[in-house]
C-alpha cells in the first residue's frame, strides 16, 4: 500500500533515509507530506512512532493506493483518512 502522512513542519531531504525512503514534499502552508509504499501495519506504526519521537504534530494519514481487487473484501475503503485537525 502507498500512504501519505502529513506533518505540521517542514523537513528537508536529509530525512528521506530515516523515513524509509519516503518521498518528502513541502507544502506552502508549512506542512510536509511523506509519501511512499509501506509494507504492512507494523511498518506503518513504526513510521508513525518516528513522527511521534521527533515531536512533529501529525495532521493526517491517507492511504492513496487502493487494495488489489483479489483482496478487496478484506480491505477498507480506497481512501482511509484520519484527520487530526479537529483537535487543534
Protein backbone atom coordinates (compact mmCIF):
# COMPACT_ATOMS: atom_id res chain seq x y z
CA UNK A 1 0.00 0.00 0.00
CA UNK A 2 1.04 3.58 -0.62
CA UNK A 3 0.39 6.02 2.22
CA UNK A 4 0.63 9.77 2.61
CA UNK A 5 1.46 11.17 6.04
CA UNK A 6 1.07 14.91 6.60
CA UNK A 7 3.00 16.54 9.45
CA UNK A 8 2.93 20.12 10.65
CA UNK A 9 6.51 21.19 9.94
CA UNK A 10 8.99 21.36 7.08
CA UNK A 11 11.51 18.53 6.70
CA UNK A 12 14.37 18.65 4.24
CA UNK A 13 15.61 15.79 2.06
CA UNK A 14 18.18 14.66 4.64
CA UNK A 15 15.31 12.86 6.43
CA UNK A 16 14.49 10.63 3.42
CA UNK A 17 16.62 7.69 4.57
CA UNK A 18 15.43 7.97 8.17
CA UNK A 19 11.82 7.73 6.99
CA UNK A 20 12.47 4.61 4.90
CA UNK A 21 12.97 6.37 1.57
CA UNK A 22 9.55 8.03 1.67
CA UNK A 23 9.19 10.95 -0.75
CA UNK A 24 9.26 14.28 1.11
CA UNK A 25 7.10 17.06 -0.35
CA UNK A 26 7.00 20.51 1.25
CA UNK A 27 3.65 22.30 1.19
CA UNK A 28 3.16 26.07 1.01
CA UNK A 29 1.25 26.07 4.31
CA UNK A 30 4.31 24.76 6.20
CA UNK A 31 3.29 21.10 6.25
CA UNK A 32 5.34 18.20 4.88
CA UNK A 33 3.92 15.20 3.03
CA UNK A 34 5.69 11.87 3.42
CA UNK A 35 4.55 9.58 0.59
CA UNK A 36 5.56 6.04 -0.27
CA UNK A 37 4.92 2.33 -0.01
CA UNK A 38 4.52 0.82 3.45
CA UNK A 39 4.65 -2.96 3.65
CA UNK A 40 2.20 -3.62 6.47
CA UNK A 41 0.63 -2.21 9.63
CA UNK A 42 3.75 -2.90 11.71
CA UNK A 43 5.82 -0.78 9.31
CA UNK A 44 3.13 1.94 9.35
CA UNK A 45 3.12 2.05 13.15
CA UNK A 46 6.93 2.18 13.13
CA UNK A 47 6.84 5.19 10.84
CA UNK A 48 4.22 6.91 12.99
CA UNK A 49 6.41 6.22 16.03
CA UNK A 50 9.26 8.09 14.33
CA UNK A 51 6.93 11.06 13.73
CA UNK A 52 5.92 10.98 17.39
CA UNK A 53 9.51 10.64 18.63
CA UNK A 54 10.51 13.77 16.70
CA UNK A 55 7.62 15.68 18.27
CA UNK A 56 6.12 16.55 14.88
CA UNK A 57 2.37 17.22 15.02
CA UNK A 58 0.54 14.63 12.86
CA UNK A 59 -2.06 16.32 10.64
CA UNK A 60 -3.37 13.37 8.61
CA UNK A 61 -2.76 9.85 7.34
CA UNK A 62 -4.17 8.72 3.99
CA UNK A 63 -3.94 5.50 2.02
CA UNK A 64 -3.56 6.76 -1.54
CA UNK A 65 -3.37 3.45 -3.41
CA UNK A 66 -6.39 1.12 -3.31
CA UNK A 67 -6.30 -2.53 -2.35
CA UNK A 68 -5.83 -5.11 -5.10
CA UNK A 69 -9.12 -6.46 -6.44
CA UNK A 70 -8.41 -10.01 -5.27
CA UNK A 71 -8.37 -8.89 -1.64
CA UNK A 72 -10.96 -6.10 -1.91
CA UNK A 73 -13.31 -7.75 0.62
CA UNK A 74 -10.63 -7.68 3.31
CA UNK A 75 -9.77 -4.02 2.72
CA UNK A 76 -11.25 -0.82 3.99
CA UNK A 77 -12.45 1.91 1.58
CA UNK A 78 -9.96 3.12 -1.06
CA UNK A 79 -9.14 6.26 0.88
CA UNK A 80 -8.55 5.79 4.57
CA UNK A 81 -8.25 9.20 6.15
CA UNK A 82 -7.54 10.09 9.73
CA UNK A 83 -7.54 13.84 10.20
CA UNK A 84 -6.32 15.31 13.44
CA UNK A 85 -7.05 18.92 12.54
CA UNK A 86 -10.19 19.00 14.72
CA UNK A 87 -8.01 18.53 17.80
CA UNK A 88 -6.29 21.90 17.32
